Amino acid sequence: MSVALRNREITTTVFVADECAPSEILPLWRFRAPVQLVVSASDGWNAVEQPVDPPKAAVGPALIRRLSDGRFWADVPERWQVAWALDDGQHLGKTRLVVAPPVRRTTRLVLRAMPPDGETPSSTR
């Protein structure tokens, strides 16, 4: 089974389910709002495609991603504002990408993510 996002004439597959996985998460918050979701399934010979209306709001969590070069990236929905800090109070900036200074192993990196409506989910690494 796969799920694709459709906007006008463009359809892009964004998720393919693993038949052995007990559950899967489709992170719709990471994509622009689609006009339509397309769910497809095949038994190897026959394919079935079903268009589905997308959910009204697909907002997900704020995540801290570590890049291979040691930088950190705020994985948040579009238009959210971010603020980085260390748990000792040192502020690191308000951009999606940050370089954390060398710190003690017990110091934590904190991402404050603010959606446009004022709620405040946060993430700590």
PDB file of N, CA and C in Angstrom:
ATOM      1  N   MET A   1       0.837  -1.164   0.000  1.00  0.00           N
ATOM      2  CA  MET A   1       0.000   0.000   0.000  1.00  0.00           C
ATOM      3  C   MET A   1       0.889   1.236   0.000  1.00  0.00           C
ATOM      4  N   SER A   2       0.472   2.253  -0.706  1.00  0.00           N
ATOM      5  CA  SER A   2       1.206   3.514  -0.713  1.00  0.00           C
ATOM      6  C   SER A   2       0.218   4.672  -0.621  1.00  0.00           C
ATOM      7  N   VAL A   3       0.755   5.814  -0.186  1.00  0.00           N
ATOM      8  CA  VAL A   3      -0.040   7.032  -0.092  1.00  0.00           C
ATOM      9  C   VAL A   3       0.704   8.115  -0.865  1.00  0.00           C
ATOM     10  N   ALA A   4      -0.039   8.841  -1.695  1.00  0.00           N
ATOM     11  CA  ALA A   4       0.535   9.934  -2.470  1.00  0.00           C
ATOM     12  C   ALA A   4      -0.247  11.208  -2.168  1.00  0.00           C
ATOM     13  N   LEU A   5       0.420  12.346  -2.340  1.00  0.00           N
ATOM     14  CA  LEU A   5      -0.228  13.644  -2.203  1.00  0.00           C
ATOM     15  C   LEU A   5      -0.450  14.200  -3.597  1.00  0.00           C
ATOM     16  N   ARG A   6      -1.634  14.761  -3.819  1.00  0.00           N
ATOM     17  CA  ARG A   6      -1.966  15.296  -5.142  1.00  0.00           C
ATOM     18  C   ARG A   6      -2.308  16.777  -5.017  1.00  0.00           C
ATOM     19  N   ASN A   7      -1.639  17.594  -5.830  1.00  0.00           N
ATOM     20  CA  ASN A   7      -1.927  19.019  -5.968  1.00  0.00           C
ATOM     21  C   ASN A   7      -2.015  19.305  -7.456  1.00  0.00           C
ATOM     22  N   ARG A   8      -3.202  19.659  -7.896  1.00  0.00           N
ATOM     23  CA  ARG A   8      -3.475  19.889  -9.312  1.00  0.00           C
ATOM     24  C   ARG A   8      -3.091  18.654 -10.126  1.00  0.00           C
ATOM     25  N   GLU A   9      -2.180  18.783 -11.070  1.00  0.00           N
ATOM     26  CA  GLU A   9      -1.825  17.649 -11.932  1.00  0.00           C
ATOM     27  C   GLU A   9      -0.618  16.860 -11.423  1.00  0.00           C
ATOM     28  N   ILE A  10      -0.054  17.226 -10.273  1.00  0.00           N
ATOM     29  CA  ILE A  10       1.138  16.559  -9.753  1.00  0.00           C
ATOM     30  C   ILE A  10       0.758  15.634  -8.601  1.00  0.00           C
ATOM     31  N   THR A  11       1.166  14.365  -8.712  1.00  0.00           N
ATOM     32  CA  THR A  11       0.954  13.388  -7.650  1.00  0.00           C
ATOM     33  C   THR A  11       2.303  12.823  -7.250  1.00  0.00           C
ATOM     34  N   THR A  12       2.610  12.871  -5.939  1.00  0.00           N
ATOM     35  CA  THR A  12       3.902  12.408  -5.438  1.00  0.00           C
ATOM     36  C   THR A  12       3.698  11.402  -4.320  1.00  0.00           C
ATOM     37  N   THR A  13       4.287  10.216  -4.468  1.00  0.00           N
ATOM     38  CA  THR A  13       4.223   9.206  -3.418  1.00  0.00           C
ATOM     39  C   THR A  13       5.092   9.659  -2.246  1.00  0.00           C
ATOM     40  N   VAL A  14       4.507   9.671  -1.043  1.00  0.00           N
ATOM     41  CA  VAL A  14       5.233  10.132   0.145  1.00  0.00           C
ATOM     42  C   VAL A  14       5.347   9.047   1.211  1.00  0.00           C
ATOM     43  N   PHE A  15       4.711   7.906   0.987  1.00  0.00           N
ATOM     44  CA  PHE A  15       4.696   6.872   2.011  1.00  0.00           C
ATOM     45  C   PHE A  15       4.415   5.521   1.364  1.00  0.00           C
ATOM     46  N   VAL A  16       5.217   4.533   1.720  1.00  0.00           N
ATOM     47  CA  VAL A  16       4.980   3.152   1.297  1.00  0.00           C
ATOM     48  C   VAL A  16       4.992   2.302   2.558  1.00  0.00           C
ATOM     49  N   ALA A  17       3.888   1.608   2.820  1.00  0.00           N
ATOM     50  CA  ALA A  17       3.766   0.820   4.042  1.00  0.00           C
ATOM     51  C   ALA A  17       4.570  -0.466   3.935  1.00  0.00           C
ATOM     52  N   ASP A  18       5.185  -0.846   5.039  1.00  0.00           N
ATOM     53  CA  ASP A  18       5.906  -2.109   5.149  1.00  0.00           C
ATOM     54  C   ASP A  18       4.920  -3.145   5.667  1.00  0.00           C
ATOM     55  N   GLU A  19       4.683  -4.195   4.912  1.00  0.00           N
ATOM     56  CA  GLU A  19       3.681  -5.187   5.297  1.00  0.00           C
ATOM     57  C   GLU A  19       4.031  -5.913   6.589  1.00  0.00           C
ATOM     58  N   CYS A  20       5.281  -5.862   7.015  1.00  0.00           N
ATOM     59  CA  CYS A  20       5.689  -6.531   8.255  1.00  0.00           C
ATOM     60  C   CYS A  20       5.633  -5.609   9.475  1.00  0.00           C
ATOM     61  N   ALA A  21       5.447  -4.325   9.263  1.00  0.00           N
ATOM     62  CA  ALA A  21       5.428  -3.377  10.384  1.00  0.00           C
ATOM     63  C   ALA A  21       4.070  -3.424  11.085  1.00  0.00           C
ATOM     64  N   PRO A  22       4.061  -3.433  12.433  1.00  0.00           N
ATOM     65  CA  PRO A  22       2.781  -3.457  13.148  1.00  0.00           C
ATOM     66  C   PRO A  22       2.002  -2.149  13.011  1.00  0.00           C
ATOM     67  N   SER A  23       2.709  -1.027  12.810  1.00  0.00           N
ATOM     68  CA  SER A  23       2.043   0.260  12.593  1.00  0.00           C
ATOM     69  C   SER A  23       3.025   1.201  11.909  1.00  0.00           C
ATOM     70  N   GLU A  24       2.495   2.237  11.307  1.00  0.00           N
ATOM     71  CA  GLU A  24       3.300   3.231  10.600  1.00  0.00           C
ATOM     72  C   GLU A  24       2.751   4.612  10.908  1.00  0.00           C
ATOM     73  N   ILE A  25       3.579   5.627  10.758  1.00  0.00           N
ATOM     74  CA  ILE A  25       3.143   7.014  10.932  1.00  0.00           C
ATOM     75  C   ILE A  25       3.318   7.731   9.602  1.00  0.00           C
ATOM     76  N   LEU A  26       2.275   8.354   9.142  1.00  0.00           N
ATOM     77  CA  LEU A  26       2.329   9.167   7.931  1.00  0.00           C
ATOM     78  C   LEU A  26       2.473  10.627   8.368  1.00  0.00           C
ATOM     79  N   PRO A  27       3.675  11.211   8.250  1.00  0.00           N
ATOM     80  CA  PRO A  27       3.924  12.561   8.777  1.00  0.00           C
ATOM     81  C   PRO A  27       3.420  13.662   7.855  1.00  0.00           C
ATOM     82  N   LEU A  28       2.109  13.832   7.767  1.00  0.00           N
ATOM     83  CA  LEU A  28       1.542  14.840   6.862  1.00  0.00           C
ATOM     84  C   LEU A  28       1.981  16.252   7.212  1.00  0.00           C
ATOM     85  N   TRP A  29       2.369  16.505   8.460  1.00  0.00           N
ATOM     86  CA  TRP A  29       2.799  17.845   8.858  1.00  0.00           C
ATOM     87  C   TRP A  29       4.078  18.266   8.155  1.00  0.00           C
ATOM     88  N   ARG A  30       4.804  17.338   7.520  1.00  0.00           N
ATOM     89  CA  ARG A  30       6.054  17.677   6.858  1.00  0.00           C
ATOM     90  C   ARG A  30       5.861  18.136   5.413  1.00  0.00           C
ATOM     91  N   PHE A  31       4.612  18.125   4.938  1.00  0.00           N
ATOM     92  CA  PHE A  31       4.326  18.465   3.549  1.00  0.00           C
ATOM     93  C   PHE A  31       3.337  19.617   3.472  1.00  0.00           C
ATOM     94  N   ARG A  32       3.353  20.301   2.345  1.00  0.00           N
ATOM     95  CA  ARG A  32       2.353  21.330   2.085  1.00  0.00           C
ATOM     96  C   ARG A  32       0.983  20.649   2.028  1.00  0.00           C
ATOM     97  N   ALA A  33      -0.061  21.330   2.440  1.00  0.00           N
ATOM     98  CA  ALA A  33      -1.406  20.751   2.446  1.00  0.00           C
ATOM     99  C   ALA A  33      -1.799  20.315   1.034  1.00  0.00           C
ATOM    100  N   PRO A  34      -2.130  19.043   0.844  1.00  0.00           N
ATOM    101  CA  PRO A  34      -2.509  18.560  -0.487  1.00  0.00           C
ATOM    102  C   PRO A  34      -3.972  18.845  -0.795  1.00  0.00           C
ATOM    103  N   VAL A  35      -4.304  18.824  -2.079  1.00  0.00           N
ATOM    104  CA  VAL A  35      -5.695  18.923  -2.494  1.00  0.00           C
ATOM    105  C   VAL A  35      -6.372  17.587  -2.222  1.00  0.00           C
ATOM    106  N   GLN A  36      -5.593  16.502  -2.385  1.00  0.00           N
ATOM    107  CA  GLN A  36      -6.153  15.167  -2.221  1.00  0.00           C
ATOM    108  C   GLN A  36      -5.063  14.175  -1.818  1.00  0.00           C
ATOM    109  N   LEU A  37      -5.425  13.187  -1.007  1.00  0.00           N
ATOM    110  CA  LEU A  37      -4.566  12.042  -0.732  1.00  0.00           C
ATOM    111  C   LEU A  37      -4.987  10.937  -1.682  1.00  0.00           C
ATOM    112  N   VAL A  38      -4.031  10.142  -2.148  1.00  0.00           N
ATOM    113  CA  VAL A  38      -4.350   9.016  -3.020  1.00  0.00           C
ATOM    114  C   VAL A  38      -3.774   7.774  -2.367  1.00  0.00           C
ATOM    115  N   VAL A  39      -4.651   6.831  -1.998  1.00  0.00           N
ATOM    116  CA  VAL A  39      -4.234   5.577  -1.392  1.00  0.00           C
ATOM    117  C   VAL A  39      -4.257   4.520  -2.486  1.00  0.00           C
ATOM    118  N   SER A  40      -3.124   3.820  -2.664  1.00  0.00           N
ATOM    119  CA  SER A  40      -3.013   2.796  -3.706  1.00  0.00           C
ATOM    120  C   SER A  40      -2.614   1.471  -3.077  1.00  0.00           C
ATOM    121  N   ALA A  41      -3.165   0.392  -3.618  1.00  0.00           N
ATOM    122  CA  ALA A  41      -2.806  -0.949  -3.159  1.00  0.00           C
ATOM    123  C   ALA A  41      -2.726  -1.864  -4.365  1.00  0.00           C
ATOM    124  N   SER A  42      -1.861  -2.880  -4.273  1.00  0.00           N
ATOM    125  CA  SER A  42      -1.694  -3.811  -5.376  1.00  0.00           C
ATOM    126  C   SER A  42      -1.392  -5.200  -4.830  1.00  0.00           C
ATOM    127  N   ASP A  43      -1.882  -6.227  -5.527  1.00  0.00           N
ATOM    128  CA  ASP A  43      -1.555  -7.607  -5.166  1.00  0.00           C
ATOM    129  C   ASP A  43      -0.473  -8.161  -6.095  1.00  0.00           C
ATOM    130  N   GLY A  44       0.137  -7.279  -6.868  1.00  0.00           N
ATOM    131  CA  GLY A  44       1.165  -7.683  -7.820  1.00  0.00           C
ATOM    132  C   GLY A  44       0.633  -7.781  -9.243  1.00  0.00           C
ATOM    133  N   TRP A  45      -0.654  -7.979  -9.376  1.00  0.00           N
ATOM    134  CA  TRP A  45      -1.280  -8.076 -10.701  1.00  0.00           C
ATOM    135  C   TRP A  45      -2.282  -6.955 -10.924  1.00  0.00           C
ATOM    136  N   ASN A  46      -3.017  -6.623  -9.897  1.00  0.00           N
ATOM    137  CA  ASN A  46      -4.072  -5.619 -10.003  1.00  0.00           C
ATOM    138  C   ASN A  46      -3.759  -4.461  -9.060  1.00  0.00           C
ATOM    139  N   ALA A  47      -4.070  -3.258  -9.490  1.00  0.00           N
ATOM    140  CA  ALA A  47      -3.856  -2.071  -8.652  1.00  0.00           C
ATOM    141  C   ALA A  47      -5.180  -1.353  -8.458  1.00  0.00           C
ATOM    142  N   VAL A  48      -5.382  -0.835  -7.272  1.00  0.00           N
ATOM    143  CA  VAL A  48      -6.577  -0.060  -6.948  1.00  0.00           C
ATOM    144  C   VAL A  48      -6.117   1.269  -6.371  1.00  0.00           C
ATOM    145  N   GLU A  49      -6.727   2.358  -6.833  1.00  0.00           N
ATOM    146  CA  GLU A  49      -6.381   3.695  -6.352  1.00  0.00           C
ATOM    147  C   GLU A  49      -7.648   4.370  -5.862  1.00  0.00           C
ATOM    148  N   GLN A  50      -7.597   4.952  -4.660  1.00  0.00           N
ATOM    149  CA  GLN A  50      -8.755   5.617  -4.089  1.00  0.00           C
ATOM    150  C   GLN A  50      -8.384   7.019  -3.624  1.00  0.00           C
ATOM    151  N   PRO A  51      -8.948   8.073  -4.233  1.00  0.00           N
ATOM    152  CA  PRO A  51      -8.714   9.434  -3.738  1.00  0.00           C
ATOM    153  C   PRO A  51      -9.433   9.637  -2.404  1.00  0.00           C
ATOM    154  N   VAL A  52      -8.801  10.371  -1.497  1.00  0.00           N
ATOM    155  CA  VAL A  52      -9.357  10.641  -0.177  1.00  0.00           C
ATOM    156  C   VAL A  52      -9.147  12.124   0.131  1.00  0.00           C
ATOM    157  N   ASP A  53     -10.157  12.773   0.715  1.00  0.00           N
ATOM    158  CA  ASP A  53      -9.983  14.167   1.123  1.00  0.00           C
ATOM    159  C   ASP A  53      -8.969  14.218   2.260  1.00  0.00           C
ATOM    160  N   PRO A  54      -8.040  15.183   2.227  1.00  0.00           N
ATOM    161  CA  PRO A  54      -7.035  15.283   3.293  1.00  0.00           C
ATOM    162  C   PRO A  54      -7.651  15.801   4.582  1.00  0.00           C
ATOM    163  N   PRO A  55      -6.993  15.547   5.721  1.00  0.00           N
ATOM    164  CA  PRO A  55      -7.483  16.110   6.979  1.00  0.00           C
ATOM    165  C   PRO A  55      -7.398  17.633   6.941  1.00  0.00           C
ATOM    166  N   LYS A  56      -8.216  18.287   7.736  1.00  0.00           N
ATOM    167  CA  LYS A  56      -8.254  19.760   7.745  1.00  0.00           C
ATOM    168  C   LYS A  56      -6.949  20.376   8.206  1.00  0.00           C
ATOM    169  N   ALA A  57      -6.359  19.858   9.264  1.00  0.00           N
ATOM    170  CA  ALA A  57      -5.101  20.399   9.780  1.00  0.00           C
ATOM    171  C   ALA A  57      -4.157  19.243  10.055  1.00  0.00           C
ATOM    172  N   ALA A  58      -2.983  19.310   9.477  1.00  0.00           N
ATOM    173  CA  ALA A  58      -1.993  18.263   9.680  1.00  0.00           C
ATOM    174  C   ALA A  58      -0.772  18.878  10.348  1.00  0.00           C
ATOM    175  N   VAL A  59      -0.873  19.098  11.642  1.00  0.00           N
ATOM    176  CA  VAL A  59       0.227  19.700  12.385  1.00  0.00           C
ATOM    177  C   VAL A  59       0.853  18.630  13.259  1.00  0.00           C
ATOM    178  N   GLY A  60       2.131  18.488  13.163  1.00  0.00           N
ATOM    179  CA  GLY A  60       2.811  17.456  13.920  1.00  0.00           C
ATOM    180  C   GLY A  60       3.726  18.033  14.972  1.00  0.00           C
ATOM    181  N   PRO A  61       4.550  17.189  15.512  1.00  0.00           N
ATOM    182  CA  PRO A  61       5.444  17.631  16.584  1.00  0.00           C
ATOM    183  C   PRO A  61       6.602  18.474  16.065  1.00  0.00           C
ATOM    184  N   ALA A  62       7.231  19.156  16.986  1.00  0.00           N
ATOM    185  CA  ALA A  62       8.480  19.865  16.694  1.00  0.00           C
ATOM    186  C   ALA A  62       9.602  18.887  17.025  1.00  0.00           C
ATOM    187  N   LEU A  63      10.510  18.665  16.078  1.00  0.00           N
ATOM    188  CA  LEU A  63      11.591  17.709  16.275  1.00  0.00           C
ATOM    189  C   LEU A  63      12.948  18.362  16.075  1.00  0.00           C
ATOM    190  N   ILE A  64      13.917  17.910  16.836  1.00  0.00           N
ATOM    191  CA  ILE A  64      15.302  18.322  16.636  1.00  0.00           C
ATOM    192  C   ILE A  64      15.973  17.235  15.814  1.00  0.00           C
ATOM    193  N   ARG A  65      16.528  17.618  14.681  1.00  0.00           N
ATOM    194  CA  ARG A  65      17.256  16.679  13.815  1.00  0.00           C
ATOM    195  C   ARG A  65      18.735  17.022  13.879  1.00  0.00           C
ATOM    196  N   ARG A  66      19.570  16.013  14.009  1.00  0.00           N
ATOM    197  CA  ARG A  66      21.016  16.238  14.011  1.00  0.00           C
ATOM    198  C   ARG A  66      21.545  15.895  12.625  1.00  0.00           C
ATOM    199  N   LEU A  67      22.238  16.842  12.010  1.00  0.00           N
ATOM    200  CA  LEU A  67      22.830  16.630  10.703  1.00  0.00           C
ATOM    201  C   LEU A  67      24.197  15.977  10.864  1.00  0.00           C
ATOM    202  N   SER A  68      24.685  15.344   9.816  1.00  0.00           N
ATOM    203  CA  SER A  68      25.936  14.582   9.899  1.00  0.00           C
ATOM    204  C   SER A  68      27.150  15.448  10.228  1.00  0.00           C
ATOM    205  N   ASP A  69      27.082  16.749   9.942  1.00  0.00           N
ATOM    206  CA  ASP A  69      28.218  17.630  10.234  1.00  0.00           C
ATOM    207  C   ASP A  69      28.151  18.241  11.633  1.00  0.00           C
ATOM    208  N   GLY A  70      27.207  17.788  12.470  1.00  0.00           N
ATOM    209  CA  GLY A  70      27.122  18.259  13.844  1.00  0.00           C
ATOM    210  C   GLY A  70      26.165  19.408  14.076  1.00  0.00           C
ATOM    211  N   ARG A  71      25.600  19.967  13.017  1.00  0.00           N
ATOM    212  CA  ARG A  71      24.607  21.023  13.186  1.00  0.00           C
ATOM    213  C   ARG A  71      23.260  20.393  13.542  1.00  0.00           C
ATOM    214  N   PHE A  72      22.349  21.231  14.033  1.00  0.00           N
ATOM    215  CA  PHE A  72      21.007  20.772  14.373  1.00  0.00           C
ATOM    216  C   PHE A  72      19.997  21.567  13.565  1.00  0.00           C
ATOM    217  N   TRP A  73      18.898  20.914  13.187  1.00  0.00           N
ATOM    218  CA  TRP A  73      17.873  21.509  12.343  1.00  0.00           C
ATOM    219  C   TRP A  73      16.521  21.341  13.021  1.00  0.00           C
ATOM    220  N   ALA A  74      15.729  22.414  13.050  1.00  0.00           N
ATOM    221  CA  ALA A  74      14.385  22.377  13.621  1.00  0.00           C
ATOM    222  C   ALA A  74      13.417  21.884  12.550  1.00  0.00           C
ATOM    223  N   ASP A  75      12.890  20.683  12.749  1.00  0.00           N
ATOM    224  CA  ASP A  75      11.912  20.098  11.828  1.00  0.00           C
ATOM    225  C   ASP A  75      10.531  20.480  12.343  1.00  0.00           C
ATOM    226  N   VAL A  76      10.032  21.622  11.861  1.00  0.00           N
ATOM    227  CA  VAL A  76       8.747  22.156  12.297  1.00  0.00           C
ATOM    228  C   VAL A  76       7.931  22.545  11.069  1.00  0.00           C
ATOM    229  N   PRO A  77       6.605  22.640  11.194  1.00  0.00           N
ATOM    230  CA  PRO A  77       5.780  23.053  10.059  1.00  0.00           C
ATOM    231  C   PRO A  77       6.118  24.464   9.582  1.00  0.00           C
ATOM    232  N   GLU A  78       5.692  24.760   8.368  1.00  0.00           N
ATOM    233  CA  GLU A  78       5.906  26.086   7.783  1.00  0.00           C
ATOM    234  C   GLU A  78       5.314  27.174   8.679  1.00  0.00           C
ATOM    235  N   ARG A  79       5.927  28.351   8.662  1.00  0.00           N
ATOM    236  CA  ARG A  79       5.485  29.557   9.358  1.00  0.00           C
ATOM    237  C   ARG A  79       5.675  29.491  10.867  1.00  0.00           C
ATOM    238  N   TRP A  80       6.188  28.407  11.416  1.00  0.00           N
ATOM    239  CA  TRP A  80       6.465  28.363  12.854  1.00  0.00           C
ATOM    240  C   TRP A  80       7.740  29.136  13.127  1.00  0.00           C
ATOM    241  N   GLN A  81       7.811  29.752  14.287  1.00  0.00           N
ATOM    242  CA  GLN A  81       9.024  30.430  14.722  1.00  0.00           C
ATOM    243  C   GLN A  81       9.745  29.514  15.702  1.00  0.00           C
ATOM    244  N   VAL A  82      11.076  29.576  15.671  1.00  0.00           N
ATOM    245  CA  VAL A  82      11.865  28.728  16.566  1.00  0.00           C
ATOM    246  C   VAL A  82      12.850  29.565  17.370  1.00  0.00           C
ATOM    247  N   ALA A  83      13.239  29.037  18.516  1.00  0.00           N
ATOM    248  CA  ALA A  83      14.270  29.650  19.345  1.00  0.00           C
ATOM    249  C   ALA A  83      15.074  28.523  19.969  1.00  0.00           C
ATOM    250  N   TRP A  84      16.393  28.581  19.821  1.00  0.00           N
ATOM    251  CA  TRP A  84      17.304  27.576  20.364  1.00  0.00           C
ATOM    252  C   TRP A  84      17.971  28.112  21.620  1.00  0.00           C
ATOM    253  N   ALA A  85      18.223  27.207  22.572  1.00  0.00           N
ATOM    254  CA  ALA A  85      18.943  27.575  23.791  1.00  0.00           C
ATOM    255  C   ALA A  85      19.571  26.311  24.370  1.00  0.00           C
ATOM    256  N   LEU A  86      20.468  26.512  25.295  1.00  0.00           N
ATOM    257  CA  LEU A  86      20.966  25.410  26.104  1.00  0.00           C
ATOM    258  C   LEU A  86      20.211  25.466  27.419  1.00  0.00           C
ATOM    259  N   ASP A  87      20.082  24.337  28.089  1.00  0.00           N
ATOM    260  CA  ASP A  87      19.305  24.343  29.331  1.00  0.00           C
ATOM    261  C   ASP A  87      19.971  25.129  30.453  1.00  0.00           C
ATOM    262  N   ASP A  88      21.196  25.619  30.220  1.00  0.00           N
ATOM    263  CA  ASP A  88      21.839  26.492  31.209  1.00  0.00           C
ATOM    264  C   ASP A  88      21.466  27.964  30.982  1.00  0.00           C
ATOM    265  N   GLY A  89      20.585  28.224  29.994  1.00  0.00           N
ATOM    266  CA  GLY A  89      20.114  29.581  29.738  1.00  0.00           C
ATOM    267  C   GLY A  89      20.773  30.291  28.574  1.00  0.00           C
ATOM    268  N   GLN A  90      21.828  29.730  27.999  1.00  0.00           N
ATOM    269  CA  GLN A  90      22.519  30.371  26.872  1.00  0.00           C
ATOM    270  C   GLN A  90      21.651  30.288  25.616  1.00  0.00           C
ATOM    271  N   HIS A  91      21.319  31.443  25.018  1.00  0.00           N
ATOM    272  CA  HIS A  91      20.512  31.483  23.798  1.00  0.00           C
ATOM    273  C   HIS A  91      21.407  31.282  22.585  1.00  0.00           C
ATOM    274  N   LEU A  92      20.908  30.507  21.595  1.00  0.00           N
ATOM    275  CA  LEU A  92      21.712  30.172  20.415  1.00  0.00           C
ATOM    276  C   LEU A  92      21.158  30.744  19.118  1.00  0.00           C
ATOM    277  N   GLY A  93      19.974  31.331  19.142  1.00  0.00           N
ATOM    278  CA  GLY A  93      19.458  31.948  17.922  1.00  0.00           C
ATOM    279  C   GLY A  93      18.034  31.558  17.606  1.00  0.00           C
ATOM    280  N   LYS A  94      17.519  32.152  16.519  1.00  0.00           N
ATOM    281  CA  LYS A  94      16.129  31.952  16.127  1.00  0.00           C
ATOM    282  C   LYS A  94      16.011  31.511  14.671  1.00  0.00           C
ATOM    283  N   THR A  95      16.995  30.777  14.180  1.00  0.00           N
ATOM    284  CA  THR A  95      16.933  30.247  12.814  1.00  0.00           C
ATOM    285  C   THR A  95      16.673  28.743  12.889  1.00  0.00           C
ATOM    286  N   ARG A  96      16.238  28.140  11.799  1.00  0.00           N
ATOM    287  CA  ARG A  96      15.949  26.703  11.815  1.00  0.00           C
ATOM    288  C   ARG A  96      17.204  25.851  11.951  1.00  0.00           C
ATOM    289  N   LEU A  97      18.346  26.385  11.571  1.00  0.00           N
ATOM    290  CA  LEU A  97      19.611  25.652  11.615  1.00  0.00           C
ATOM    291  C   LEU A  97      20.510  26.282  12.666  1.00  0.00           C
ATOM    292  N   VAL A  98      21.128  25.450  13.524  1.00  0.00           N
ATOM    293  CA  VAL A  98      21.973  25.986  14.585  1.00  0.00           C
ATOM    294  C   VAL A  98      23.202  25.099  14.768  1.00  0.00           C
ATOM    295  N   VAL A  99      24.299  25.735  15.176  1.00  0.00           N
ATOM    296  CA  VAL A  99      25.510  25.020  15.556  1.00  0.00           C
ATOM    297  C   VAL A  99      25.623  25.166  17.063  1.00  0.00           C
ATOM    298  N   ALA A 100      25.578  24.052  17.769  1.00  0.00           N
ATOM    299  CA  ALA A 100      25.683  24.110  19.226  1.00  0.00           C
ATOM    300  C   ALA A 100      27.154  24.147  19.611  1.00  0.00           C
ATOM    301  N   PRO A 101      27.518  24.995  20.567  1.00  0.00           N
ATOM    302  CA  PRO A 101      28.913  25.058  21.004  1.00  0.00           C
ATOM    303  C   PRO A 101      29.275  23.787  21.773  1.00  0.00           C
ATOM    304  N   PRO A 102      30.579  23.488  21.917  1.00  0.00           N
ATOM    305  CA  PRO A 102      30.974  22.333  22.725  1.00  0.00           C
ATOM    306  C   PRO A 102      30.482  22.533  24.166  1.00  0.00           C
ATOM    307  N   VAL A 103      29.847  21.515  24.711  1.00  0.00           N
ATOM    308  CA  VAL A 103      29.281  21.610  26.057  1.00  0.00           C
ATOM    309  C   VAL A 103      29.545  20.326  26.840  1.00  0.00           C
ATOM    310  N   ARG A 104      29.262  20.389  28.145  1.00  0.00           N
ATOM    311  CA  ARG A 104      29.346  19.184  28.967  1.00  0.00           C
ATOM    312  C   ARG A 104      28.308  18.177  28.499  1.00  0.00           C
ATOM    313  N   ARG A 105      28.547  16.935  28.767  1.00  0.00           N
ATOM    314  CA  ARG A 105      27.639  15.871  28.345  1.00  0.00           C
ATOM    315  C   ARG A 105      26.246  16.006  28.970  1.00  0.00           C
ATOM    316  N   THR A 106      26.148  16.650  30.117  1.00  0.00           N
ATOM    317  CA  THR A 106      24.857  16.788  30.796  1.00  0.00           C
ATOM    318  C   THR A 106      24.051  17.995  30.323  1.00  0.00           C
ATOM    319  N   THR A 107      24.645  18.859  29.519  1.00  0.00           N
ATOM    320  CA  THR A 107      23.929  20.028  28.997  1.00  0.00           C
ATOM    321  C   THR A 107      23.006  19.581  27.871  1.00  0.00           C
ATOM    322  N   ARG A 108      21.794  20.129  27.857  1.00  0.00           N
ATOM    323  CA  ARG A 108      20.817  19.739  26.841  1.00  0.00           C
ATOM    324  C   ARG A 108      20.508  20.903  25.913  1.00  0.00           C
ATOM    325  N   LEU A 109      20.276  20.557  24.642  1.00  0.00           N
ATOM    326  CA  LEU A 109      19.870  21.526  23.632  1.00  0.00           C
ATOM    327  C   LEU A 109      18.355  21.602  23.650  1.00  0.00           C
ATOM    328  N   VAL A 110      17.806  22.816  23.708  1.00  0.00           N
ATOM    329  CA  VAL A 110      16.361  23.001  23.801  1.00  0.00           C
ATOM    330  C   VAL A 110      15.882  23.786  22.582  1.00  0.00           C
ATOM    331  N   LEU A 111      14.841  23.276  21.939  1.00  0.00           N
ATOM    332  CA  LEU A 111      14.187  23.956  20.821  1.00  0.00           C
ATOM    333  C   LEU A 111      12.805  24.385  21.283  1.00  0.00           C
ATOM    334  N   ARG A 112      12.536  25.672  21.181  1.00  0.00           N
ATOM    335  CA  ARG A 112      11.191  26.178  21.475  1.00  0.00           C
ATOM    336  C   ARG A 112      10.560  26.491  20.124  1.00  0.00           C
ATOM    337  N   ALA A 113       9.465  25.823  19.813  1.00  0.00           N
ATOM    338  CA  ALA A 113       8.788  25.990  18.523  1.00  0.00           C
ATOM    339  C   ALA A 113       7.415  26.608  18.771  1.00  0.00           C
ATOM    340  N   MET A 114       7.145  27.722  18.098  1.00  0.00           N
ATOM    341  CA  MET A 114       5.903  28.457  18.309  1.00  0.00           C
ATOM    342  C   MET A 114       5.069  28.478  17.031  1.00  0.00           C
ATOM    343  N   PRO A 115       3.936  27.763  17.033  1.00  0.00           N
ATOM    344  CA  PRO A 115       3.060  27.813  15.864  1.00  0.00           C
ATOM    345  C   PRO A 115       2.372  29.175  15.765  1.00  0.00           C
ATOM    346  N   PRO A 116       1.841  29.500  14.596  1.00  0.00           N
ATOM    347  CA  PRO A 116       1.208  30.804  14.407  1.00  0.00           C
ATOM    348  C   PRO A 116       0.050  31.075  15.369  1.00  0.00           C
ATOM    349  N   ASP A 117      -0.634  30.038  15.851  1.00  0.00           N
ATOM    350  CA  ASP A 117      -1.794  30.258  16.717  1.00  0.00           C
ATOM    351  C   ASP A 117      -1.440  30.453  18.187  1.00  0.00           C
ATOM    352  N   GLY A 118      -0.158  30.404  18.542  1.00  0.00           N
ATOM    353  CA  GLY A 118       0.246  30.717  19.902  1.00  0.00           C
ATOM    354  C   GLY A 118       0.492  29.543  20.817  1.00  0.00           C
ATOM    355  N   GLU A 119       0.085  28.298  20.457  1.00  0.00           N
ATOM    356  CA  GLU A 119       0.412  27.147  21.291  1.00  0.00           C
ATOM    357  C   GLU A 119       1.925  26.948  21.250  1.00  0.00           C
ATOM    358  N   THR A 120       2.502  26.263  22.219  1.00  0.00           N
ATOM    359  CA  THR A 120       3.951  26.151  22.280  1.00  0.00           C
ATOM    360  C   THR A 120       4.442  24.731  22.536  1.00  0.00           C
ATOM    361  N   PRO A 121       4.501  23.868  21.513  1.00  0.00           N
ATOM    362  CA  PRO A 121       5.178  22.589  21.709  1.00  0.00           C
ATOM    363  C   PRO A 121       6.680  22.828  21.724  1.00  0.00           C
ATOM    364  N   SER A 122       7.436  22.024  22.438  1.00  0.00           N
ATOM    365  CA  SER A 122       8.897  22.153  22.491  1.00  0.00           C
ATOM    366  C   SER A 122       9.540  20.791  22.349  1.00  0.00           C
ATOM    367  N   SER A 123      10.839  20.797  22.085  1.00  0.00           N
ATOM    368  CA  SER A 123      11.588  19.551  21.981  1.00  0.00           C
ATOM    369  C   SER A 123      12.944  19.763  22.637  1.00  0.00           C
ATOM    370  N   THR A 124      13.466  18.709  23.250  1.00  0.00           N
ATOM    371  CA  THR A 124      14.774  18.762  23.902  1.00  0.00           C
ATOM    372  C   THR A 124      15.580  17.575  23.448  1.00  0.00           C
ATOM    373  N   ARG A 125      16.886  17.792  23.244  1.00  0.00           N
ATOM    374  CA  ARG A 125      17.770  16.693  22.870  1.00  0.00           C
ATOM    375  C   ARG A 125      18.915  16.635  23.857  1.00  0.00           C
TER     376      ARG A 125
END
